[in-house]
Amino acid sequence: MQVTLKPLEQQTLVITGASSGIGLATARHAVSLGARVVIVSRSPAALEAIAREIDPGGRQVLAAAADVGRSDEVERVAQAAIERFGGFDTWVNNAGVGIWGRLTEVPEDEHRRLFETNFWGMVNGSLVAARHLRGRGGAIVNVGSITGDRAWPLQGMYCASKHAIKGFTETLRVELEQECAGISITLIKPAAIGTPLLQHAANFTGRRLRLPPPIYAPEEAAHAICHAAQHPVRDVYVGGSGLLASTVGLHAPRVTDWISEAALFEAQLGPQAVPPTQGNLHRPMAGGRERGDDFGRPLQSSFYTRVTLHPSAWNPVRGLGDLAASLMPASRRRY
C-alpha cells in the first residue's frame, strides 16, 4: 500500500507530552491549521485548561490524560480518539523527561523511570498507532534528539533513551514498509530547544542547569512535526547546529570526545548551587508553557530545517545567518 497522507485540515492528530514545550506548540500549530487534536499528558487539569484555551468551541481538541509508560492507558487514548473523532491519522510520540547528573551518581530508579517514559512511552504509542493505522494509512512521528546521534555528558540516560528511540524507529519503518502497511515513519531530531525542559528535569548535578546555544524555538520543532504529518519524510533535524554536531560526531568521534570533555560539562551548568530534585520523573509539573526560562529570545527558525522541508525556499543570505548563529562563540550570542 502506497503511503498517502492527508492535508492537516483533514486530519486528527494524537500528540503525547502535549501539556508543555514542543507538544503544546505542535497542538497549537495543528489546531491553527484546522486539524483535530487529541492532547495527552499525565495532568488532566493542565490538558483541560489548554483545550479550553486553544479550542474555545470544544470541537477540535480532546484532552486525554494518560501515562504513556503504561500500554493500557495508551490504548485508551486511541479508543478515545476513535469515539470522539472516528479515528486518527497521525500519532506524535513526543512525551519525555530529562535527567542531568553523572551516570554513577543518579539512582537506578530514576534511570528506569526515564526509560519508562522516553522509550517505552514511544514504543507503546508506536505499536498502538501501527495497529490502528495498518491498511488505512497515516503517519507515526517520533521525537528523538540530536543526542540520539551523539551523546552528551551529564545527560547519559536521556541520550541512551534517544539512541534507543532511533533504533526502534528505524526497525519499525523497515518492517512496516516490508508489509506495505501504508504508514509513514518519521524521526524528528531537535537540537537545543527553548522549552521548560530544564525547569522540569531531574537534577543531580548540584548546579543550576542551562543549555548550550544556539537555542531554537519550540515552534520550529512543531513546524517540522506538522510537515511530517502531511509529507512522508525519514528524518528531520530541527536546527542546523544539530546536523553539524551529529556529522562531526560521526566522522571525528575522538575529536568530539575531546570537545565534550573540555567544554560540555561547564556549558550545561550555571554558577548557582541548587539542591537535588526529581523534577517531573514521578509526577507531572505545571503545564501550559511552550518556552522555558532564561533563554531570552530563542532563534525563531532554522534555515537548514526549512530548506530540508521546502527546498524551493532556499535563500543564501538566510543560510549564512543560520550557519553563523551555529558557529558563533557562545559569549557573543544574544537571544
C-alpha atoms as a PDB file:
ATOM      1  CA  MET A   1       0.000   0.000   0.000  1.00  0.00           C
ATOM      2  CA  GLN A   2       1.387   3.381  -1.003  1.00  0.00           C
ATOM      3  CA  VAL A   3       1.809   5.973   1.724  1.00  0.00           C
ATOM      4  CA  THR A   4      -0.677   8.800   1.175  1.00  0.00           C
ATOM      5  CA  LEU A   5      -1.066  11.458   3.854  1.00  0.00           C
ATOM      6  CA  LYS A   6      -3.966  13.905   4.104  1.00  0.00           C
ATOM      7  CA  PRO A   7      -3.709  17.676   4.411  1.00  0.00           C
ATOM      8  CA  LEU A   8      -3.628  18.703   8.051  1.00  0.00           C
ATOM      9  CA  GLU A   9      -7.096  20.257   7.977  1.00  0.00           C
ATOM     10  CA  GLN A  10      -8.478  16.787   7.194  1.00  0.00           C
ATOM     11  CA  GLN A  11      -6.548  15.016   9.945  1.00  0.00           C
ATOM     12  CA  THR A  12      -6.848  14.015  13.576  1.00  0.00           C
ATOM     13  CA  LEU A  13      -3.525  14.013  15.439  1.00  0.00           C
ATOM     14  CA  VAL A  14      -2.707  12.355  18.753  1.00  0.00           C
ATOM     15  CA  ILE A  15       0.107  14.262  20.478  1.00  0.00           C
ATOM     16  CA  THR A  16       1.728  12.949  23.660  1.00  0.00           C
ATOM     17  CA  GLY A  17       3.584  15.242  26.036  1.00  0.00           C
ATOM     18  CA  ALA A  18       1.195  17.979  24.909  1.00  0.00           C
ATOM     19  CA  SER A  19       0.911  19.988  28.129  1.00  0.00           C
ATOM     20  CA  SER A  20       4.110  21.993  27.519  1.00  0.00           C
ATOM     21  CA  GLY A  21       7.062  22.558  25.217  1.00  0.00           C
ATOM     22  CA  ILE A  22       7.199  21.003  21.770  1.00  0.00           C
ATOM     23  CA  GLY A  23       3.995  19.015  22.276  1.00  0.00           C
ATOM     24  CA  LEU A  24       1.981  22.093  23.213  1.00  0.00           C
ATOM     25  CA  ALA A  25       3.483  24.122  20.362  1.00  0.00           C
ATOM     26  CA  THR A  26       2.574  21.315  17.950  1.00  0.00           C
ATOM     27  CA  ALA A  27      -1.000  21.142  19.221  1.00  0.00           C
ATOM     28  CA  ARG A  28      -1.427  24.904  18.838  1.00  0.00           C
ATOM     29  CA  HIS A  29       0.031  24.873  15.326  1.00  0.00           C
ATOM     30  CA  ALA A  30      -2.056  21.909  14.187  1.00  0.00           C
ATOM     31  CA  VAL A  31      -5.288  23.430  15.515  1.00  0.00           C
ATOM     32  CA  SER A  32      -4.470  26.745  13.821  1.00  0.00           C
ATOM     33  CA  LEU A  33      -4.229  24.833  10.515  1.00  0.00           C
ATOM     34  CA  GLY A  34      -7.624  23.212  11.006  1.00  0.00           C
ATOM     35  CA  ALA A  35      -6.673  19.810  12.425  1.00  0.00           C
ATOM     36  CA  ARG A  36      -8.461  17.942  15.187  1.00  0.00           C
ATOM     37  CA  VAL A  37      -6.105  17.086  18.035  1.00  0.00           C
ATOM     38  CA  VAL A  38      -6.035  14.674  20.961  1.00  0.00           C
ATOM     39  CA  ILE A  39      -3.683  16.139  23.577  1.00  0.00           C
ATOM     40  CA  VAL A  40      -2.102  13.684  26.013  1.00  0.00           C
ATOM     41  CA  SER A  41      -0.148  14.095  29.253  1.00  0.00           C
ATOM     42  CA  ARG A  42      -0.308  12.948  32.881  1.00  0.00           C
ATOM     43  CA  SER A  43      -2.070  16.129  34.052  1.00  0.00           C
ATOM     44  CA  PRO A  44      -5.858  16.243  33.448  1.00  0.00           C
ATOM     45  CA  ALA A  45      -6.162  19.782  34.823  1.00  0.00           C
ATOM     46  CA  ALA A  46      -3.438  21.170  32.541  1.00  0.00           C
ATOM     47  CA  LEU A  47      -4.915  19.432  29.499  1.00  0.00           C
ATOM     48  CA  GLU A  48      -8.428  20.734  30.177  1.00  0.00           C
ATOM     49  CA  ALA A  49      -7.128  24.290  30.564  1.00  0.00           C
ATOM     50  CA  ILE A  50      -5.148  24.028  27.317  1.00  0.00           C
ATOM     51  CA  ALA A  51      -8.149  22.575  25.463  1.00  0.00           C
ATOM     52  CA  ARG A  52     -10.350  25.476  26.578  1.00  0.00           C
ATOM     53  CA  GLU A  53      -7.703  27.992  25.561  1.00  0.00           C
ATOM     54  CA  ILE A  54      -6.858  26.747  22.066  1.00  0.00           C
ATOM     55  CA  ASP A  55     -10.327  25.406  21.217  1.00  0.00           C
ATOM     56  CA  PRO A  56     -12.969  27.530  22.973  1.00  0.00           C
ATOM     57  CA  GLY A  57     -15.733  25.952  20.908  1.00  0.00           C
ATOM     58  CA  GLY A  58     -14.794  22.453  22.041  1.00  0.00           C
ATOM     59  CA  ARG A  59     -14.912  20.974  18.527  1.00  0.00           C
ATOM     60  CA  GLN A  60     -11.257  20.364  17.635  1.00  0.00           C
ATOM     61  CA  VAL A  61      -9.439  19.338  20.807  1.00  0.00           C
ATOM     62  CA  LEU A  62      -9.887  16.317  23.079  1.00  0.00           C
ATOM     63  CA  ALA A  63      -7.960  16.139  26.375  1.00  0.00           C
ATOM     64  CA  ALA A  64      -6.910  12.578  27.277  1.00  0.00           C
ATOM     65  CA  ALA A  65      -4.852  12.115  30.440  1.00  0.00           C
ATOM     66  CA  ALA A  66      -2.531   9.098  30.376  1.00  0.00           C
ATOM     67  CA  ASP A  67       0.871   7.832  31.495  1.00  0.00           C
ATOM     68  CA  VAL A  68       2.440   6.775  28.188  1.00  0.00           C
ATOM     69  CA  GLY A  69       4.656   4.287  30.030  1.00  0.00           C
ATOM     70  CA  ARG A  70       1.542   2.141  30.550  1.00  0.00           C
ATOM     71  CA  SER A  71       0.354   0.398  27.387  1.00  0.00           C
ATOM     72  CA  ASP A  72      -3.224   0.031  28.645  1.00  0.00           C
ATOM     73  CA  GLU A  73      -3.536   3.779  29.166  1.00  0.00           C
ATOM     74  CA  VAL A  74      -2.119   4.456  25.699  1.00  0.00           C
ATOM     75  CA  GLU A  75      -4.686   2.090  24.183  1.00  0.00           C
ATOM     76  CA  ARG A  76      -7.414   4.000  25.999  1.00  0.00           C
ATOM     77  CA  VAL A  77      -6.194   7.205  24.342  1.00  0.00           C
ATOM     78  CA  ALA A  78      -6.566   5.562  20.929  1.00  0.00           C
ATOM     79  CA  GLN A  79     -10.083   4.415  21.783  1.00  0.00           C
ATOM     80  CA  ALA A  80     -10.991   7.921  22.967  1.00  0.00           C
ATOM     81  CA  ALA A  81      -9.802   9.336  19.621  1.00  0.00           C
ATOM     82  CA  ILE A  82     -11.926   6.772  17.781  1.00  0.00           C
ATOM     83  CA  GLU A  83     -15.007   7.513  19.861  1.00  0.00           C
ATOM     84  CA  ARG A  84     -14.692  11.298  19.530  1.00  0.00           C
ATOM     85  CA  PHE A  85     -13.294  11.778  16.028  1.00  0.00           C
ATOM     86  CA  GLY A  86     -13.779   8.397  14.332  1.00  0.00           C
ATOM     87  CA  GLY A  87     -10.071   7.576  14.451  1.00  0.00           C
ATOM     88  CA  PHE A  88      -6.749   9.324  13.973  1.00  0.00           C
ATOM     89  CA  ASP A  89      -4.364   9.912  11.082  1.00  0.00           C
ATOM     90  CA  THR A  90      -1.085  10.884  12.795  1.00  0.00           C
ATOM     91  CA  TRP A  91       0.349   9.791  16.129  1.00  0.00           C
ATOM     92  CA  VAL A  92       3.105  12.004  17.564  1.00  0.00           C
ATOM     93  CA  ASN A  93       5.278  10.390  20.276  1.00  0.00           C
ATOM     94  CA  ASN A  94       6.697  13.433  21.990  1.00  0.00           C
ATOM     95  CA  ALA A  95       6.402  12.723  25.754  1.00  0.00           C
ATOM     96  CA  GLY A  96       9.748  12.854  27.503  1.00  0.00           C
ATOM     97  CA  VAL A  97      11.540  13.612  30.746  1.00  0.00           C
ATOM     98  CA  GLY A  98      15.141  14.574  31.426  1.00  0.00           C
ATOM     99  CA  ILE A  99      17.865  13.807  33.967  1.00  0.00           C
ATOM    100  CA  TRP A 100      21.081  15.748  34.463  1.00  0.00           C
ATOM    101  CA  GLY A 101      23.802  14.066  36.505  1.00  0.00           C
ATOM    102  CA  ARG A 102      26.733  11.697  36.167  1.00  0.00           C
ATOM    103  CA  LEU A 103      25.641   8.137  35.383  1.00  0.00           C
ATOM    104  CA  THR A 104      27.340   6.817  38.525  1.00  0.00           C
ATOM    105  CA  GLU A 105      25.566   9.329  40.770  1.00  0.00           C
ATOM    106  CA  VAL A 106      21.925   9.088  39.642  1.00  0.00           C
ATOM    107  CA  PRO A 107      19.781   6.488  41.473  1.00  0.00           C
ATOM    108  CA  GLU A 108      18.814   3.453  39.391  1.00  0.00           C
ATOM    109  CA  ASP A 109      15.094   4.005  39.978  1.00  0.00           C
ATOM    110  CA  GLU A 110      15.337   7.406  38.336  1.00  0.00           C
ATOM    111  CA  HIS A 111      17.124   5.981  35.313  1.00  0.00           C
ATOM    112  CA  ARG A 112      14.451   3.311  34.928  1.00  0.00           C
ATOM    113  CA  ARG A 113      11.640   5.840  35.244  1.00  0.00           C
ATOM    114  CA  LEU A 114      13.145   7.947  32.457  1.00  0.00           C
ATOM    115  CA  PHE A 115      13.188   4.926  30.154  1.00  0.00           C
ATOM    116  CA  GLU A 116       9.571   4.114  31.035  1.00  0.00           C
ATOM    117  CA  THR A 117       8.507   7.483  29.657  1.00  0.00           C
ATOM    118  CA  ASN A 118      11.009   8.293  26.924  1.00  0.00           C
ATOM    119  CA  PHE A 119      11.493   4.859  25.375  1.00  0.00           C
ATOM    120  CA  TRP A 120       8.586   2.661  26.439  1.00  0.00           C
ATOM    121  CA  GLY A 121       6.153   5.542  26.040  1.00  0.00           C
ATOM    122  CA  MET A 122       7.295   5.870  22.421  1.00  0.00           C
ATOM    123  CA  VAL A 123       7.110   2.089  21.919  1.00  0.00           C
ATOM    124  CA  ASN A 124       3.597   1.900  23.358  1.00  0.00           C
ATOM    125  CA  GLY A 125       2.385   4.775  21.211  1.00  0.00           C
ATOM    126  CA  SER A 126       4.032   3.463  18.050  1.00  0.00           C
ATOM    127  CA  LEU A 127       2.645  -0.057  18.392  1.00  0.00           C
ATOM    128  CA  VAL A 128      -0.879   1.121  19.228  1.00  0.00           C
ATOM    129  CA  ALA A 129      -0.786   3.552  16.305  1.00  0.00           C
ATOM    130  CA  ALA A 130       0.582   0.924  13.912  1.00  0.00           C
ATOM    131  CA  ARG A 131      -2.247  -1.469  14.750  1.00  0.00           C
ATOM    132  CA  HIS A 132      -4.901   1.178  14.133  1.00  0.00           C
ATOM    133  CA  LEU A 133      -3.299   2.707  11.020  1.00  0.00           C
ATOM    134  CA  ARG A 134      -2.243  -0.509   9.273  1.00  0.00           C
ATOM    135  CA  GLY A 135      -4.078  -0.818   5.982  1.00  0.00           C
ATOM    136  CA  ARG A 136      -5.765   2.590   6.166  1.00  0.00           C
ATOM    137  CA  GLY A 137      -2.610   4.709   6.156  1.00  0.00           C
ATOM    138  CA  GLY A 138      -1.251   7.522   8.268  1.00  0.00           C
ATOM    139  CA  ALA A 139       1.888   8.754   9.988  1.00  0.00           C
ATOM    140  CA  ILE A 140       3.835   7.983  13.142  1.00  0.00           C
ATOM    141  CA  VAL A 141       6.164  10.811  14.171  1.00  0.00           C
ATOM    142  CA  ASN A 142       8.702  10.070  16.903  1.00  0.00           C
ATOM    143  CA  VAL A 143      10.515  12.948  18.581  1.00  0.00           C
ATOM    144  CA  GLY A 144      14.093  11.918  19.218  1.00  0.00           C
ATOM    145  CA  SER A 145      17.086  14.231  19.613  1.00  0.00           C
ATOM    146  CA  ILE A 146      20.496  15.002  18.184  1.00  0.00           C
ATOM    147  CA  THR A 147      21.724  13.251  21.344  1.00  0.00           C
ATOM    148  CA  GLY A 148      20.439  10.067  19.724  1.00  0.00           C
ATOM    149  CA  ASP A 149      23.295  10.504  17.225  1.00  0.00           C
ATOM    150  CA  ARG A 150      25.939  11.800  19.598  1.00  0.00           C
ATOM    151  CA  ALA A 151      25.632  11.579  23.392  1.00  0.00           C
ATOM    152  CA  TRP A 152      26.360  14.461  25.760  1.00  0.00           C
ATOM    153  CA  PRO A 153      27.912  14.179  29.220  1.00  0.00           C
ATOM    154  CA  LEU A 154      25.630  14.695  32.244  1.00  0.00           C
ATOM    155  CA  GLN A 155      22.652  13.500  30.181  1.00  0.00           C
ATOM    156  CA  GLY A 156      23.739   9.882  29.829  1.00  0.00           C
ATOM    157  CA  MET A 157      20.454   8.040  30.342  1.00  0.00           C
ATOM    158  CA  TYR A 158      18.481  10.645  28.400  1.00  0.00           C
ATOM    159  CA  CYS A 159      20.903  10.175  25.498  1.00  0.00           C
ATOM    160  CA  ALA A 160      20.626   6.392  25.832  1.00  0.00           C
ATOM    161  CA  SER A 161      16.839   6.645  25.558  1.00  0.00           C
ATOM    162  CA  LYS A 162      17.158   8.745  22.410  1.00  0.00           C
ATOM    163  CA  HIS A 163      19.582   6.216  20.896  1.00  0.00           C
ATOM    164  CA  ALA A 164      17.006   3.517  21.674  1.00  0.00           C
ATOM    165  CA  ILE A 165      14.240   5.575  20.058  1.00  0.00           C
ATOM    166  CA  LYS A 166      16.330   5.870  16.903  1.00  0.00           C
ATOM    167  CA  GLY A 167      16.958   2.116  16.732  1.00  0.00           C
ATOM    168  CA  PHE A 168      13.308   1.232  17.343  1.00  0.00           C
ATOM    169  CA  THR A 169      12.072   3.797  14.808  1.00  0.00           C
ATOM    170  CA  GLU A 170      14.395   2.558  12.071  1.00  0.00           C
ATOM    171  CA  THR A 171      13.348  -1.058  12.641  1.00  0.00           C
ATOM    172  CA  LEU A 172       9.644  -0.215  12.746  1.00  0.00           C
ATOM    173  CA  ARG A 173       9.961   1.724   9.482  1.00  0.00           C
ATOM    174  CA  VAL A 174      11.542  -1.216   7.652  1.00  0.00           C
ATOM    175  CA  GLU A 175       9.059  -3.764   8.997  1.00  0.00           C
ATOM    176  CA  LEU A 176       6.010  -1.673   8.084  1.00  0.00           C
ATOM    177  CA  GLU A 177       7.404  -0.869   4.646  1.00  0.00           C
ATOM    178  CA  GLN A 178       8.095  -4.564   4.016  1.00  0.00           C
ATOM    179  CA  GLU A 179       4.457  -5.441   4.717  1.00  0.00           C
ATOM    180  CA  CYS A 180       3.153  -2.437   2.723  1.00  0.00           C
ATOM    181  CA  ALA A 181       1.253  -1.080   5.722  1.00  0.00           C
ATOM    182  CA  GLY A 182       0.907   2.402   4.226  1.00  0.00           C
ATOM    183  CA  ILE A 183       2.326   4.136   7.293  1.00  0.00           C
ATOM    184  CA  SER A 184       4.941   6.898   7.158  1.00  0.00           C
ATOM    185  CA  ILE A 185       7.554   6.771   9.957  1.00  0.00           C
ATOM    186  CA  THR A 186       9.495   9.946  10.760  1.00  0.00           C
ATOM    187  CA  LEU A 187      12.177  10.629  13.354  1.00  0.00           C
ATOM    188  CA  ILE A 188      12.456  14.277  14.445  1.00  0.00           C
ATOM    189  CA  LYS A 189      15.902  15.242  15.775  1.00  0.00           C
ATOM    190  CA  PRO A 190      15.762  18.564  17.625  1.00  0.00           C
ATOM    191  CA  ALA A 191      18.887  20.429  18.649  1.00  0.00           C
ATOM    192  CA  ALA A 192      18.659  22.576  21.805  1.00  0.00           C
ATOM    193  CA  ILE A 193      15.063  23.816  22.037  1.00  0.00           C
ATOM    194  CA  GLY A 194      13.933  26.520  24.452  1.00  0.00           C
ATOM    195  CA  THR A 195      11.201  24.526  26.238  1.00  0.00           C
ATOM    196  CA  PRO A 196      10.597  24.197  30.016  1.00  0.00           C
ATOM    197  CA  LEU A 197      12.749  21.025  29.976  1.00  0.00           C
ATOM    198  CA  LEU A 198      15.330  22.486  32.363  1.00  0.00           C
ATOM    199  CA  GLN A 199      12.656  23.502  34.866  1.00  0.00           C
ATOM    200  CA  HIS A 200      11.022  20.061  34.652  1.00  0.00           C
ATOM    201  CA  ALA A 201      14.146  17.862  34.593  1.00  0.00           C
ATOM    202  CA  ALA A 202      15.582  15.842  37.446  1.00  0.00           C
ATOM    203  CA  ASN A 203      18.839  17.456  38.507  1.00  0.00           C
ATOM    204  CA  PHE A 204      21.581  15.672  40.446  1.00  0.00           C
ATOM    205  CA  THR A 205      24.446  17.971  39.469  1.00  0.00           C
ATOM    206  CA  GLY A 206      24.195  20.389  42.426  1.00  0.00           C
ATOM    207  CA  ARG A 207      24.200  23.318  39.957  1.00  0.00           C
ATOM    208  CA  ARG A 208      21.526  25.169  38.052  1.00  0.00           C
ATOM    209  CA  LEU A 209      21.087  23.841  34.518  1.00  0.00           C
ATOM    210  CA  ARG A 210      21.466  25.591  31.206  1.00  0.00           C
ATOM    211  CA  LEU A 211      21.501  24.633  27.514  1.00  0.00           C
ATOM    212  CA  PRO A 212      24.491  25.401  25.291  1.00  0.00           C
ATOM    213  CA  PRO A 213      23.425  27.715  22.428  1.00  0.00           C
ATOM    214  CA  PRO A 214      22.239  28.056  19.746  1.00  0.00           C
ATOM    215  CA  ILE A 215      18.744  27.504  21.112  1.00  0.00           C
ATOM    216  CA  TYR A 216      15.797  27.150  18.764  1.00  0.00           C
ATOM    217  CA  ALA A 217      12.154  27.992  19.431  1.00  0.00           C
ATOM    218  CA  PRO A 218       9.694  25.131  20.140  1.00  0.00           C
ATOM    219  CA  GLU A 219       7.561  26.387  17.262  1.00  0.00           C
ATOM    220  CA  GLU A 220      10.318  25.324  14.870  1.00  0.00           C
ATOM    221  CA  ALA A 221      10.009  21.716  16.042  1.00  0.00           C
ATOM    222  CA  ALA A 222       6.212  21.993  15.806  1.00  0.00           C
ATOM    223  CA  HIS A 223       6.539  23.107  12.195  1.00  0.00           C
ATOM    224  CA  ALA A 224       8.688  20.072  11.390  1.00  0.00           C
ATOM    225  CA  ILE A 225       6.260  17.675  13.101  1.00  0.00           C
ATOM    226  CA  CYS A 226       3.244  19.084  11.274  1.00  0.00           C
ATOM    227  CA  HIS A 227       5.158  18.832   7.997  1.00  0.00           C
ATOM    228  CA  ALA A 228       5.930  15.165   8.691  1.00  0.00           C
ATOM    229  CA  ALA A 229       2.226  14.531   9.362  1.00  0.00           C
ATOM    230  CA  GLN A 230       1.488  15.588   5.785  1.00  0.00           C
ATOM    231  CA  HIS A 231       4.594  14.531   3.858  1.00  0.00           C
ATOM    232  CA  PRO A 232       6.443  11.197   4.176  1.00  0.00           C
ATOM    233  CA  VAL A 233       9.973  12.065   5.317  1.00  0.00           C
ATOM    234  CA  ARG A 234      12.535   9.843   7.028  1.00  0.00           C
ATOM    235  CA  ASP A 235      14.407  12.188   9.406  1.00  0.00           C
ATOM    236  CA  VAL A 236      14.259  15.895  10.165  1.00  0.00           C
ATOM    237  CA  TYR A 237      16.961  17.812  12.046  1.00  0.00           C
ATOM    238  CA  VAL A 238      15.473  20.817  13.832  1.00  0.00           C
ATOM    239  CA  GLY A 239      18.344  23.288  13.780  1.00  0.00           C
ATOM    240  CA  GLY A 240      21.406  23.317  11.559  1.00  0.00           C
ATOM    241  CA  SER A 241      23.642  23.080  14.623  1.00  0.00           C
ATOM    242  CA  GLY A 242      22.194  19.614  15.255  1.00  0.00           C
ATOM    243  CA  LEU A 243      23.280  18.357  11.846  1.00  0.00           C
ATOM    244  CA  LEU A 244      26.739  19.859  12.414  1.00  0.00           C
ATOM    245  CA  ALA A 245      27.156  18.171  15.811  1.00  0.00           C
ATOM    246  CA  SER A 246      25.935  14.815  14.514  1.00  0.00           C
ATOM    247  CA  THR A 247      28.171  14.958  11.440  1.00  0.00           C
ATOM    248  CA  VAL A 248      31.293  15.824  13.423  1.00  0.00           C
ATOM    249  CA  GLY A 249      30.453  13.100  15.957  1.00  0.00           C
ATOM    250  CA  LEU A 250      30.124  10.521  13.192  1.00  0.00           C
ATOM    251  CA  HIS A 251      33.289  11.368  11.271  1.00  0.00           C
ATOM    252  CA  ALA A 252      35.551  12.562  14.103  1.00  0.00           C
ATOM    253  CA  PRO A 253      34.420  10.756  17.251  1.00  0.00           C
ATOM    254  CA  ARG A 254      37.600  11.278  19.254  1.00  0.00           C
ATOM    255  CA  VAL A 255      37.619  14.996  18.449  1.00  0.00           C
ATOM    256  CA  THR A 256      34.036  15.123  19.659  1.00  0.00           C
ATOM    257  CA  ASP A 257      35.028  13.295  22.847  1.00  0.00           C
ATOM    258  CA  TRP A 258      37.693  15.917  23.479  1.00  0.00           C
ATOM    259  CA  ILE A 259      35.235  18.767  22.886  1.00  0.00           C
ATOM    260  CA  SER A 260      32.734  17.148  25.255  1.00  0.00           C
ATOM    261  CA  GLU A 261      35.340  16.682  27.984  1.00  0.00           C
ATOM    262  CA  ALA A 262      36.734  20.192  27.572  1.00  0.00           C
ATOM    263  CA  ALA A 263      33.550  22.215  27.143  1.00  0.00           C
ATOM    264  CA  LEU A 264      30.233  20.412  27.565  1.00  0.00           C
ATOM    265  CA  PHE A 265      30.331  19.895  31.327  1.00  0.00           C
ATOM    266  CA  GLU A 266      30.554  23.566  32.280  1.00  0.00           C
ATOM    267  CA  ALA A 267      28.446  24.640  29.285  1.00  0.00           C
ATOM    268  CA  GLN A 268      25.444  22.862  30.821  1.00  0.00           C
ATOM    269  CA  LEU A 269      25.891  24.172  34.367  1.00  0.00           C
ATOM    270  CA  GLY A 270      25.186  27.612  35.743  1.00  0.00           C
ATOM    271  CA  PRO A 271      27.080  29.171  38.679  1.00  0.00           C
ATOM    272  CA  GLN A 272      24.173  28.858  41.137  1.00  0.00           C
ATOM    273  CA  ALA A 273      24.100  25.925  43.571  1.00  0.00           C
ATOM    274  CA  VAL A 274      20.757  24.073  43.796  1.00  0.00           C
ATOM    275  CA  PRO A 275      19.573  21.030  45.764  1.00  0.00           C
ATOM    276  CA  PRO A 276      18.885  17.701  44.007  1.00  0.00           C
ATOM    277  CA  THR A 277      15.401  17.350  42.538  1.00  0.00           C
ATOM    278  CA  GLN A 278      13.404  14.564  40.875  1.00  0.00           C
ATOM    279  CA  GLY A 279      11.655  17.057  38.623  1.00  0.00           C
ATOM    280  CA  ASN A 280       8.713  15.545  36.770  1.00  0.00           C
ATOM    281  CA  LEU A 281      10.017  11.988  36.692  1.00  0.00           C
ATOM    282  CA  HIS A 282       7.319  10.648  39.009  1.00  0.00           C
ATOM    283  CA  ARG A 283       4.669  13.357  38.917  1.00  0.00           C
ATOM    284  CA  PRO A 284       3.538  15.966  36.389  1.00  0.00           C
ATOM    285  CA  MET A 285       4.528  19.583  36.845  1.00  0.00           C
ATOM    286  CA  ALA A 286       2.688  22.737  35.841  1.00  0.00           C
ATOM    287  CA  GLY A 287       1.886  22.794  32.141  1.00  0.00           C
ATOM    288  CA  GLY A 288       0.642  25.381  29.688  1.00  0.00           C
ATOM    289  CA  ARG A 289       4.010  26.846  28.673  1.00  0.00           C
ATOM    290  CA  GLU A 290       5.817  26.279  25.402  1.00  0.00           C
ATOM    291  CA  ARG A 291       9.004  28.112  26.348  1.00  0.00           C
ATOM    292  CA  GLY A 292      11.225  27.825  29.373  1.00  0.00           C
ATOM    293  CA  ASP A 293      13.012  30.417  31.481  1.00  0.00           C
ATOM    294  CA  ASP A 294      16.376  32.102  30.956  1.00  0.00           C
ATOM    295  CA  PHE A 295      16.573  31.740  27.184  1.00  0.00           C
ATOM    296  CA  GLY A 296      15.979  35.351  26.223  1.00  0.00           C
ATOM    297  CA  ARG A 297      14.961  35.240  22.572  1.00  0.00           C
ATOM    298  CA  PRO A 298      15.424  31.758  21.043  1.00  0.00           C
ATOM    299  CA  LEU A 299      16.038  31.589  17.317  1.00  0.00           C
ATOM    300  CA  GLN A 300      12.629  31.545  15.689  1.00  0.00           C
ATOM    301  CA  SER A 301      13.527  29.300  12.790  1.00  0.00           C
ATOM    302  CA  SER A 302      16.341  27.329  11.220  1.00  0.00           C
ATOM    303  CA  PHE A 303      17.218  27.941   7.594  1.00  0.00           C
ATOM    304  CA  TYR A 304      18.607  24.413   7.344  1.00  0.00           C
ATOM    305  CA  THR A 305      15.365  22.829   8.600  1.00  0.00           C
ATOM    306  CA  ARG A 306      13.135  24.975   6.383  1.00  0.00           C
ATOM    307  CA  VAL A 307      15.210  24.179   3.289  1.00  0.00           C
ATOM    308  CA  THR A 308      15.143  20.469   4.157  1.00  0.00           C
ATOM    309  CA  LEU A 309      11.345  20.605   4.225  1.00  0.00           C
ATOM    310  CA  HIS A 310      10.880  23.166   1.429  1.00  0.00           C
ATOM    311  CA  PRO A 311      13.909  23.144  -0.928  1.00  0.00           C
ATOM    312  CA  SER A 312      12.361  25.833  -3.159  1.00  0.00           C
ATOM    313  CA  ALA A 313      12.667  28.334  -0.292  1.00  0.00           C
ATOM    314  CA  TRP A 314      16.478  28.381  -0.460  1.00  0.00           C
ATOM    315  CA  ASN A 315      17.960  31.771   0.351  1.00  0.00           C
ATOM    316  CA  PRO A 316      21.741  32.060   0.681  1.00  0.00           C
ATOM    317  CA  VAL A 317      21.586  35.111   2.936  1.00  0.00           C
ATOM    318  CA  ARG A 318      19.351  33.344   5.482  1.00  0.00           C
ATOM    319  CA  GLY A 319      21.531  30.257   5.155  1.00  0.00           C
ATOM    320  CA  LEU A 320      24.685  32.129   6.068  1.00  0.00           C
ATOM    321  CA  GLY A 321      22.887  33.685   9.018  1.00  0.00           C
ATOM    322  CA  ASP A 322      21.794  30.314  10.376  1.00  0.00           C
ATOM    323  CA  LEU A 323      25.291  28.873   9.941  1.00  0.00           C
ATOM    324  CA  ALA A 324      26.844  31.907  11.640  1.00  0.00           C
ATOM    325  CA  ALA A 325      24.494  31.527  14.596  1.00  0.00           C
ATOM    326  CA  SER A 326      25.558  27.891  14.932  1.00  0.00           C
ATOM    327  CA  LEU A 327      29.255  28.685  14.897  1.00  0.00           C
ATOM    328  CA  MET A 328      29.382  31.997  16.801  1.00  0.00           C
ATOM    329  CA  PRO A 329      31.087  31.761  20.220  1.00  0.00           C
ATOM    330  CA  ALA A 330      28.505  31.488  22.968  1.00  0.00           C
ATOM    331  CA  SER A 331      29.806  34.578  24.730  1.00  0.00           C
ATOM    332  CA  ARG A 332      28.890  36.757  21.725  1.00  0.00           C
ATOM    333  CA  ARG A 333      25.339  35.469  21.142  1.00  0.00           C
ATOM    334  CA  ARG A 334      22.242  37.344  22.262  1.00  0.00           C
ATOM    335  CA  TYR A 335      18.748  35.848  22.296  1.00  0.00           C
END
